[in-house]
Amino acid sequence: MLDMTNWHVLVVFGLVNFISGYLLSVGALILEEIAFKRYSKPSDLAKMLLFSALKFVGYHQLGVMWRVLGHIQYMQNNNSWGTMTRQSWKDKNEAA
């Protein structure tokens, strides 16, 4: 089975996937910086650029796996969490 893989196409596909996702993350950071001026130091912006690159090395794949498993559980009508009831953040004595 591994002999049937065209490794050049696989590497190019992986690089295109990484670069396109990274460009979307960089574009979002640029728009956020223009709109909100959230990062006061250039080192903060550099960290965000580094983290947006590291997102594609495991974390993104893990999130996709959780989404797929969640959809499978939804299709199987697995509601093992039960019903969620609303609760107040305040103490019962304070609410009265």
C-alpha atoms as a PDB file:
ATOM      1  CA  MET A   1       0.000   0.000   0.000  1.00  0.00           C
ATOM      2  CA  LEU A   2       2.819   2.425   0.787  1.00  0.00           C
ATOM      3  CA  ASP A   3       4.374   1.815  -2.619  1.00  0.00           C
ATOM      4  CA  MET A   4       1.281   3.300  -4.265  1.00  0.00           C
ATOM      5  CA  THR A   5       1.756   6.707  -2.605  1.00  0.00           C
ATOM      6  CA  ASN A   6       3.224   9.432  -4.764  1.00  0.00           C
ATOM      7  CA  TRP A   7       5.333  11.128  -2.077  1.00  0.00           C
ATOM      8  CA  HIS A   8       5.968  14.280  -4.108  1.00  0.00           C
ATOM      9  CA  VAL A   9       2.241  14.963  -4.420  1.00  0.00           C
ATOM     10  CA  LEU A  10       1.735  14.187  -0.730  1.00  0.00           C
ATOM     11  CA  VAL A  11       4.472  16.621   0.356  1.00  0.00           C
ATOM     12  CA  VAL A  12       3.200  19.374  -1.947  1.00  0.00           C
ATOM     13  CA  PHE A  13      -0.359  18.861  -0.685  1.00  0.00           C
ATOM     14  CA  GLY A  14       0.835  19.066   2.928  1.00  0.00           C
ATOM     15  CA  LEU A  15       2.797  22.251   2.246  1.00  0.00           C
ATOM     16  CA  VAL A  16      -0.115  23.905   0.435  1.00  0.00           C
ATOM     17  CA  ASN A  17      -2.403  22.946   3.330  1.00  0.00           C
ATOM     18  CA  PHE A  18       0.003  24.384   5.922  1.00  0.00           C
ATOM     19  CA  ILE A  19       0.751  27.584   3.991  1.00  0.00           C
ATOM     20  CA  SER A  20      -2.889  28.342   3.183  1.00  0.00           C
ATOM     21  CA  GLY A  21      -3.932  27.833   6.811  1.00  0.00           C
ATOM     22  CA  TYR A  22      -1.015  29.908   8.059  1.00  0.00           C
ATOM     23  CA  LEU A  23      -1.854  32.736   5.646  1.00  0.00           C
ATOM     24  CA  LEU A  24      -5.437  32.756   6.929  1.00  0.00           C
ATOM     25  CA  SER A  25      -4.156  32.991  10.512  1.00  0.00           C
ATOM     26  CA  VAL A  26      -1.719  35.785   9.616  1.00  0.00           C
ATOM     27  CA  GLY A  27      -4.483  37.659   7.798  1.00  0.00           C
ATOM     28  CA  ALA A  28      -6.743  37.369  10.850  1.00  0.00           C
ATOM     29  CA  LEU A  29      -3.933  38.682  13.079  1.00  0.00           C
ATOM     30  CA  ILE A  30      -3.319  41.623  10.748  1.00  0.00           C
ATOM     31  CA  LEU A  31      -7.018  42.521  10.667  1.00  0.00           C
ATOM     32  CA  GLU A  32      -7.234  42.265  14.451  1.00  0.00           C
ATOM     33  CA  GLU A  33      -4.167  44.456  14.891  1.00  0.00           C
ATOM     34  CA  ILE A  34      -5.536  47.088  12.510  1.00  0.00           C
ATOM     35  CA  ALA A  35      -8.970  47.092  14.129  1.00  0.00           C
ATOM     36  CA  PHE A  36      -8.199  46.748  17.832  1.00  0.00           C
ATOM     37  CA  LYS A  37      -4.469  47.425  18.317  1.00  0.00           C
ATOM     38  CA  ARG A  38      -4.425  44.645  20.903  1.00  0.00           C
ATOM     39  CA  TYR A  39      -0.700  43.824  20.926  1.00  0.00           C
ATOM     40  CA  SER A  40       1.332  46.586  22.543  1.00  0.00           C
ATOM     41  CA  LYS A  41       4.750  44.941  22.069  1.00  0.00           C
ATOM     42  CA  PRO A  42       6.098  43.526  18.811  1.00  0.00           C
ATOM     43  CA  SER A  43       7.176  40.420  20.730  1.00  0.00           C
ATOM     44  CA  ASP A  44       3.510  39.680  21.506  1.00  0.00           C
ATOM     45  CA  LEU A  45       2.680  39.774  17.819  1.00  0.00           C
ATOM     46  CA  ALA A  46       5.687  37.544  17.057  1.00  0.00           C
ATOM     47  CA  LYS A  47       4.465  35.026  19.648  1.00  0.00           C
ATOM     48  CA  MET A  48       1.030  34.982  18.060  1.00  0.00           C
ATOM     49  CA  LEU A  49       2.579  34.353  14.648  1.00  0.00           C
ATOM     50  CA  LEU A  50       4.603  31.469  16.109  1.00  0.00           C
ATOM     51  CA  PHE A  51       1.563  29.976  17.847  1.00  0.00           C
ATOM     52  CA  SER A  52      -0.500  30.232  14.673  1.00  0.00           C
ATOM     53  CA  ALA A  53       2.178  28.189  12.887  1.00  0.00           C
ATOM     54  CA  LEU A  54       2.338  25.614  15.691  1.00  0.00           C
ATOM     55  CA  LYS A  55      -1.436  25.213  15.568  1.00  0.00           C
ATOM     56  CA  PHE A  56      -1.065  23.047  12.493  1.00  0.00           C
ATOM     57  CA  VAL A  57       1.303  20.590  14.204  1.00  0.00           C
ATOM     58  CA  GLY A  58      -1.136  18.461  16.171  1.00  0.00           C
ATOM     59  CA  TYR A  59      -3.634  20.818  17.780  1.00  0.00           C
ATOM     60  CA  HIS A  60      -5.708  21.335  14.648  1.00  0.00           C
ATOM     61  CA  GLN A  61      -5.804  17.598  13.964  1.00  0.00           C
ATOM     62  CA  LEU A  62      -6.862  16.934  17.558  1.00  0.00           C
ATOM     63  CA  GLY A  63      -9.702  19.454  17.263  1.00  0.00           C
ATOM     64  CA  VAL A  64     -10.888  17.854  14.021  1.00  0.00           C
ATOM     65  CA  MET A  65     -10.873  14.426  15.691  1.00  0.00           C
ATOM     66  CA  TRP A  66     -12.967  15.766  18.602  1.00  0.00           C
ATOM     67  CA  ARG A  67     -15.465  17.271  16.159  1.00  0.00           C
ATOM     68  CA  VAL A  68     -15.792  14.013  14.224  1.00  0.00           C
ATOM     69  CA  LEU A  69     -16.286  12.028  17.432  1.00  0.00           C
ATOM     70  CA  GLY A  70     -18.875  14.566  18.585  1.00  0.00           C
ATOM     71  CA  HIS A  71     -20.813  14.201  15.343  1.00  0.00           C
ATOM     72  CA  ILE A  72     -20.688  10.411  15.637  1.00  0.00           C
ATOM     73  CA  GLN A  73     -22.020  10.585  19.208  1.00  0.00           C
ATOM     74  CA  TYR A  74     -24.752  12.976  18.075  1.00  0.00           C
ATOM     75  CA  MET A  75     -25.795  10.617  15.280  1.00  0.00           C
ATOM     76  CA  GLN A  76     -25.918   7.743  17.791  1.00  0.00           C
ATOM     77  CA  ASN A  77     -28.128   9.843  20.115  1.00  0.00           C
ATOM     78  CA  ASN A  78     -25.528   9.599  22.852  1.00  0.00           C
ATOM     79  CA  ASN A  79     -26.584  12.131  25.454  1.00  0.00           C
ATOM     80  CA  SER A  80     -24.525  10.739  28.316  1.00  0.00           C
ATOM     81  CA  TRP A  81     -24.111  14.235  29.765  1.00  0.00           C
ATOM     82  CA  GLY A  82     -27.809  14.231  30.580  1.00  0.00           C
ATOM     83  CA  THR A  83     -29.925  17.336  30.776  1.00  0.00           C
ATOM     84  CA  MET A  84     -28.205  20.541  31.737  1.00  0.00           C
ATOM     85  CA  THR A  85     -29.993  22.704  34.292  1.00  0.00           C
ATOM     86  CA  ARG A  86     -29.279  26.378  34.763  1.00  0.00           C
ATOM     87  CA  GLN A  87     -27.583  27.393  37.954  1.00  0.00           C
ATOM     88  CA  SER A  88     -26.876  30.825  39.315  1.00  0.00           C
ATOM     89  CA  TRP A  89     -23.378  32.100  39.944  1.00  0.00           C
ATOM     90  CA  LYS A  90     -24.566  33.741  43.129  1.00  0.00           C
ATOM     91  CA  ASP A  91     -25.175  32.064  46.457  1.00  0.00           C
ATOM     92  CA  LYS A  92     -28.758  31.202  47.269  1.00  0.00           C
ATOM     93  CA  ASN A  93     -28.701  33.674  50.165  1.00  0.00           C
ATOM     94  CA  GLU A  94     -27.535  36.543  47.931  1.00  0.00           C
ATOM     95  CA  ALA A  95     -30.122  35.888  45.232  1.00  0.00           C
ATOM     96  CA  ALA A  96     -33.049  36.446  47.607  1.00  0.00           C
END
